[in-house]
N, C-alpha and C. Protein backbone atom coordinates (compact mmCIF):
# COMPACT_ATOMS: atom_id res chain seq x y z
N MET A 1 20.30 -92.66 -2.14
CA MET A 1 19.56 -91.45 -2.43
C MET A 1 18.32 -91.84 -3.22
N SER A 2 17.20 -91.27 -2.85
CA SER A 2 15.95 -91.61 -3.52
C SER A 2 15.88 -90.94 -4.89
N GLU A 3 14.99 -91.46 -5.69
CA GLU A 3 14.79 -90.94 -7.05
C GLU A 3 14.31 -89.49 -7.00
N ARG A 4 13.43 -89.20 -6.07
CA ARG A 4 12.90 -87.84 -5.95
C ARG A 4 13.99 -86.85 -5.57
N ALA A 5 14.85 -87.22 -4.63
CA ALA A 5 15.95 -86.33 -4.21
C ALA A 5 16.91 -86.08 -5.38
N ARG A 6 17.17 -87.11 -6.17
CA ARG A 6 18.06 -86.96 -7.32
C ARG A 6 17.45 -86.01 -8.35
N ILE A 7 16.16 -86.17 -8.60
CA ILE A 7 15.47 -85.30 -9.56
C ILE A 7 15.46 -83.85 -9.06
N GLU A 8 15.21 -83.65 -7.77
CA GLU A 8 15.22 -82.30 -7.21
C GLU A 8 16.60 -81.67 -7.30
N ARG A 9 17.64 -82.46 -7.05
CA ARG A 9 19.01 -81.95 -7.15
C ARG A 9 19.33 -81.55 -8.60
N GLU A 10 18.92 -82.39 -9.55
CA GLU A 10 19.15 -82.07 -10.96
C GLU A 10 18.35 -80.84 -11.39
N ALA A 11 17.14 -80.71 -10.88
CA ALA A 11 16.33 -79.53 -11.20
C ALA A 11 16.97 -78.27 -10.63
N GLN A 12 17.49 -78.34 -9.43
CA GLN A 12 18.16 -77.19 -8.81
C GLN A 12 19.40 -76.82 -9.61
N ALA A 13 20.17 -77.81 -10.05
CA ALA A 13 21.36 -77.53 -10.86
C ALA A 13 20.97 -76.88 -12.18
N ALA A 14 19.92 -77.38 -12.81
CA ALA A 14 19.46 -76.79 -14.07
C ALA A 14 18.99 -75.36 -13.86
N HIS A 15 18.33 -75.11 -12.75
CA HIS A 15 17.86 -73.76 -12.43
C HIS A 15 19.05 -72.81 -12.26
N GLU A 16 20.08 -73.24 -11.56
CA GLU A 16 21.27 -72.41 -11.35
C GLU A 16 21.95 -72.10 -12.68
N VAL A 17 22.04 -73.08 -13.56
CA VAL A 17 22.65 -72.87 -14.87
C VAL A 17 21.82 -71.89 -15.68
N ALA A 18 20.50 -72.01 -15.62
CA ALA A 18 19.62 -71.10 -16.36
C ALA A 18 19.74 -69.68 -15.84
N VAL A 19 19.80 -69.50 -14.54
CA VAL A 19 19.94 -68.17 -13.95
C VAL A 19 21.26 -67.54 -14.38
N ARG A 20 22.32 -68.32 -14.38
CA ARG A 20 23.63 -67.82 -14.79
C ARG A 20 23.62 -67.43 -16.27
N ALA A 21 22.98 -68.23 -17.11
CA ALA A 21 22.89 -67.93 -18.54
C ALA A 21 22.07 -66.66 -18.77
N ILE A 22 20.98 -66.51 -18.05
CA ILE A 22 20.15 -65.30 -18.19
C ILE A 22 20.95 -64.07 -17.78
N ARG A 23 21.70 -64.16 -16.71
CA ARG A 23 22.50 -63.03 -16.26
C ARG A 23 23.55 -62.66 -17.32
N ARG A 24 24.20 -63.64 -17.91
CA ARG A 24 25.19 -63.38 -18.96
C ARG A 24 24.55 -62.77 -20.19
N LEU A 25 23.39 -63.25 -20.56
CA LEU A 25 22.69 -62.68 -21.71
C LEU A 25 22.25 -61.25 -21.45
N ASP A 26 21.86 -60.94 -20.22
CA ASP A 26 21.52 -59.56 -19.87
C ASP A 26 22.73 -58.65 -20.01
N ILE A 27 23.87 -59.12 -19.55
CA ILE A 27 25.10 -58.33 -19.68
C ILE A 27 25.44 -58.13 -21.15
N LEU A 28 25.34 -59.19 -21.94
CA LEU A 28 25.61 -59.09 -23.37
C LEU A 28 24.66 -58.11 -24.05
N GLU A 29 23.40 -58.12 -23.65
CA GLU A 29 22.43 -57.19 -24.21
C GLU A 29 22.83 -55.74 -23.93
N TRP A 30 23.27 -55.45 -22.71
CA TRP A 30 23.69 -54.09 -22.37
C TRP A 30 24.95 -53.69 -23.13
N VAL A 31 25.87 -54.63 -23.32
CA VAL A 31 27.09 -54.33 -24.08
C VAL A 31 26.74 -54.00 -25.53
N ILE A 32 25.85 -54.78 -26.13
CA ILE A 32 25.43 -54.53 -27.51
C ILE A 32 24.72 -53.19 -27.61
N LEU A 33 23.86 -52.88 -26.65
CA LEU A 33 23.16 -51.59 -26.63
C LEU A 33 24.15 -50.43 -26.52
N ALA A 34 25.15 -50.56 -25.66
CA ALA A 34 26.16 -49.51 -25.52
C ALA A 34 26.96 -49.35 -26.82
N GLY A 35 27.28 -50.46 -27.46
CA GLY A 35 27.99 -50.39 -28.74
C GLY A 35 27.16 -49.70 -29.81
N ALA A 36 25.88 -50.01 -29.85
CA ALA A 36 24.99 -49.36 -30.83
C ALA A 36 24.90 -47.86 -30.54
N MET A 37 24.88 -47.50 -29.28
CA MET A 37 24.81 -46.09 -28.93
C MET A 37 26.09 -45.37 -29.36
N LEU A 38 27.24 -45.99 -29.13
CA LEU A 38 28.49 -45.37 -29.55
C LEU A 38 28.57 -45.23 -31.07
N LEU A 39 28.10 -46.26 -31.78
CA LEU A 39 28.08 -46.16 -33.24
C LEU A 39 27.15 -45.05 -33.72
N ALA A 40 26.01 -44.90 -33.06
CA ALA A 40 25.08 -43.84 -33.43
C ALA A 40 25.69 -42.47 -33.17
N ILE A 41 26.40 -42.32 -32.07
CA ILE A 41 27.05 -41.04 -31.77
C ILE A 41 28.13 -40.73 -32.80
N GLY A 42 28.94 -41.74 -33.12
CA GLY A 42 29.97 -41.54 -34.13
C GLY A 42 29.40 -41.27 -35.50
N GLY A 43 28.37 -42.02 -35.87
CA GLY A 43 27.71 -41.78 -37.16
C GLY A 43 27.04 -40.43 -37.22
N GLY A 44 26.44 -40.02 -36.12
CA GLY A 44 25.82 -38.69 -36.06
C GLY A 44 26.85 -37.59 -36.22
N ALA A 45 28.02 -37.78 -35.64
CA ALA A 45 29.09 -36.79 -35.79
C ALA A 45 29.57 -36.72 -37.23
N ALA A 46 29.70 -37.90 -37.86
CA ALA A 46 30.15 -37.92 -39.26
C ALA A 46 29.13 -37.23 -40.18
N VAL A 47 27.86 -37.55 -39.98
CA VAL A 47 26.82 -36.93 -40.81
C VAL A 47 26.76 -35.43 -40.55
N ALA A 48 26.85 -35.02 -39.30
CA ALA A 48 26.82 -33.59 -38.97
C ALA A 48 28.02 -32.87 -39.57
N TRP A 49 29.18 -33.50 -39.54
CA TRP A 49 30.37 -32.90 -40.13
C TRP A 49 30.20 -32.68 -41.63
N LEU A 50 29.49 -33.64 -42.28
CA LEU A 50 29.28 -33.53 -43.72
C LEU A 50 28.23 -32.48 -44.10
N ILE A 51 27.16 -32.39 -43.31
CA ILE A 51 26.06 -31.51 -43.74
C ILE A 51 26.01 -30.18 -43.01
N ALA A 52 26.77 -30.01 -41.93
CA ALA A 52 26.72 -28.75 -41.16
C ALA A 52 27.09 -27.53 -42.00
N PRO A 53 28.08 -27.60 -42.88
CA PRO A 53 28.41 -26.39 -43.66
C PRO A 53 27.29 -25.94 -44.60
N THR A 54 26.41 -26.86 -44.99
CA THR A 54 25.34 -26.49 -45.93
C THR A 54 24.08 -26.01 -45.23
N LEU A 55 23.98 -26.20 -43.94
CA LEU A 55 22.78 -25.80 -43.19
C LEU A 55 23.07 -24.60 -42.31
N ALA A 56 22.01 -23.94 -41.90
CA ALA A 56 22.15 -22.74 -41.07
C ALA A 56 22.40 -23.09 -39.60
N PHE A 57 22.24 -24.36 -39.22
CA PHE A 57 22.43 -24.77 -37.84
C PHE A 57 23.89 -25.08 -37.60
N GLY A 58 24.26 -25.09 -36.34
CA GLY A 58 25.63 -25.42 -35.97
C GLY A 58 25.86 -26.94 -35.97
N PHE A 59 27.10 -27.29 -35.74
CA PHE A 59 27.49 -28.71 -35.74
C PHE A 59 26.82 -29.49 -34.61
N ARG A 60 26.82 -28.95 -33.40
CA ARG A 60 26.31 -29.69 -32.24
C ARG A 60 24.82 -30.02 -32.33
N PRO A 61 23.95 -29.08 -32.69
CA PRO A 61 22.53 -29.46 -32.80
C PRO A 61 22.29 -30.53 -33.87
N ILE A 62 22.99 -30.41 -34.99
CA ILE A 62 22.83 -31.42 -36.04
C ILE A 62 23.36 -32.76 -35.56
N TRP A 63 24.48 -32.73 -34.85
CA TRP A 63 25.07 -33.95 -34.32
C TRP A 63 24.09 -34.64 -33.36
N THR A 64 23.48 -33.85 -32.49
CA THR A 64 22.53 -34.41 -31.53
C THR A 64 21.33 -35.04 -32.24
N VAL A 65 20.75 -34.32 -33.17
CA VAL A 65 19.57 -34.83 -33.88
C VAL A 65 19.92 -36.08 -34.68
N MET A 66 21.04 -36.04 -35.39
CA MET A 66 21.42 -37.19 -36.22
C MET A 66 21.75 -38.41 -35.36
N SER A 67 22.40 -38.20 -34.22
CA SER A 67 22.72 -39.32 -33.33
C SER A 67 21.45 -39.98 -32.82
N VAL A 68 20.48 -39.16 -32.42
CA VAL A 68 19.21 -39.70 -31.94
C VAL A 68 18.50 -40.46 -33.06
N LEU A 69 18.48 -39.88 -34.24
CA LEU A 69 17.83 -40.56 -35.37
C LEU A 69 18.52 -41.87 -35.71
N LEU A 70 19.84 -41.88 -35.71
CA LEU A 70 20.58 -43.10 -36.04
C LEU A 70 20.44 -44.17 -34.96
N PHE A 71 20.05 -43.79 -33.76
CA PHE A 71 19.85 -44.76 -32.69
C PHE A 71 18.39 -45.21 -32.61
N VAL A 72 17.46 -44.26 -32.74
CA VAL A 72 16.05 -44.57 -32.54
C VAL A 72 15.41 -45.27 -33.74
N VAL A 73 15.68 -44.78 -34.93
CA VAL A 73 15.03 -45.36 -36.13
C VAL A 73 15.34 -46.85 -36.28
N PRO A 74 16.61 -47.28 -36.25
CA PRO A 74 16.87 -48.73 -36.34
C PRO A 74 16.28 -49.51 -35.16
N GLY A 75 16.26 -48.88 -33.98
CA GLY A 75 15.67 -49.55 -32.82
C GLY A 75 14.19 -49.79 -33.00
N VAL A 76 13.47 -48.80 -33.50
CA VAL A 76 12.03 -48.96 -33.74
C VAL A 76 11.78 -50.03 -34.79
N ILE A 77 12.59 -50.03 -35.85
CA ILE A 77 12.44 -51.05 -36.90
C ILE A 77 12.69 -52.44 -36.32
N ALA A 78 13.72 -52.58 -35.50
CA ALA A 78 14.03 -53.89 -34.91
C ALA A 78 12.92 -54.36 -33.98
N ILE A 79 12.37 -53.45 -33.18
CA ILE A 79 11.29 -53.82 -32.26
C ILE A 79 10.05 -54.25 -33.04
N ARG A 80 9.71 -53.51 -34.08
CA ARG A 80 8.55 -53.90 -34.90
C ARG A 80 8.76 -55.26 -35.54
N ARG A 81 9.95 -55.51 -36.04
CA ARG A 81 10.24 -56.81 -36.66
C ARG A 81 10.14 -57.94 -35.64
N MET A 82 10.66 -57.71 -34.44
CA MET A 82 10.57 -58.74 -33.39
C MET A 82 9.12 -59.02 -33.03
N ARG A 83 8.32 -57.99 -32.89
CA ARG A 83 6.90 -58.18 -32.55
C ARG A 83 6.18 -58.93 -33.66
N LYS A 84 6.49 -58.61 -34.91
CA LYS A 84 5.87 -59.30 -36.04
C LYS A 84 6.25 -60.78 -36.02
N ASP A 85 7.54 -61.07 -35.80
CA ASP A 85 7.99 -62.46 -35.74
C ASP A 85 7.32 -63.21 -34.59
N GLU A 86 7.16 -62.55 -33.45
CA GLU A 86 6.50 -63.18 -32.31
C GLU A 86 5.04 -63.48 -32.62
N ARG A 87 4.35 -62.53 -33.27
CA ARG A 87 2.94 -62.76 -33.64
C ARG A 87 2.83 -63.93 -34.60
N GLU A 88 3.73 -63.99 -35.59
CA GLU A 88 3.70 -65.08 -36.56
C GLU A 88 3.97 -66.43 -35.89
N ALA A 89 4.92 -66.46 -34.98
CA ALA A 89 5.23 -67.70 -34.26
C ALA A 89 4.05 -68.14 -33.40
N ARG A 90 3.41 -67.17 -32.72
CA ARG A 90 2.26 -67.48 -31.90
C ARG A 90 1.11 -68.03 -32.76
N ALA A 91 0.87 -67.38 -33.91
CA ALA A 91 -0.20 -67.83 -34.80
C ALA A 91 0.10 -69.22 -35.35
N LYS A 92 1.36 -69.47 -35.69
CA LYS A 92 1.74 -70.79 -36.21
C LYS A 92 1.52 -71.87 -35.15
N THR A 93 1.92 -71.55 -33.91
CA THR A 93 1.72 -72.51 -32.81
C THR A 93 0.23 -72.74 -32.58
N GLN A 94 -0.55 -71.69 -32.63
CA GLN A 94 -1.99 -71.80 -32.43
C GLN A 94 -2.62 -72.67 -33.52
N ARG A 95 -2.23 -72.42 -34.78
CA ARG A 95 -2.76 -73.24 -35.88
C ARG A 95 -2.37 -74.70 -35.72
N LYS A 96 -1.13 -74.93 -35.30
CA LYS A 96 -0.66 -76.31 -35.10
C LYS A 96 -1.46 -76.99 -34.01
N LEU A 97 -1.71 -76.29 -32.91
CA LEU A 97 -2.50 -76.87 -31.82
C LEU A 97 -3.94 -77.13 -32.25
N GLU A 98 -4.51 -76.19 -33.01
CA GLU A 98 -5.88 -76.38 -33.47
C GLU A 98 -5.98 -77.56 -34.43
N ASN A 99 -5.00 -77.72 -35.30
CA ASN A 99 -5.01 -78.86 -36.22
C ASN A 99 -4.80 -80.17 -35.48
N GLU A 100 -3.92 -80.17 -34.49
CA GLU A 100 -3.62 -81.39 -33.76
C GLU A 100 -4.77 -81.82 -32.87
N TYR A 101 -5.33 -80.89 -32.13
CA TYR A 101 -6.38 -81.23 -31.19
C TYR A 101 -7.78 -81.11 -31.79
N GLY A 102 -7.90 -80.44 -32.90
CA GLY A 102 -9.21 -80.30 -33.55
C GLY A 102 -9.64 -81.59 -34.22
N ARG A 103 -8.70 -82.44 -34.61
CA ARG A 103 -9.01 -83.70 -35.30
C ARG A 103 -9.46 -84.79 -34.33
N ARG A 104 -9.04 -84.71 -33.11
CA ARG A 104 -9.32 -85.81 -32.15
C ARG A 104 -10.71 -85.81 -31.67
């Protein structure tokens, strides 16, 4: 077997492993998202149960609003944090490249 054929076979195997890993991570992402949604629904019910007697609204509207807030607010915070981390990593890489290639 030639060197090129061996390299192509190894590249194909690596590609298959990467595709399988990506698929598993996608499934894990959906499982985590579903778990977060269930926790938000449960937390919204608990908060609504606690504050519904003091407000003029019924249990269900408060439950709905609180569940959405408990799901959306942490999600927005997490997305902003991820974007900030990505910008910082990109800037760090850019500075490193400029320092490395700027000297030559």
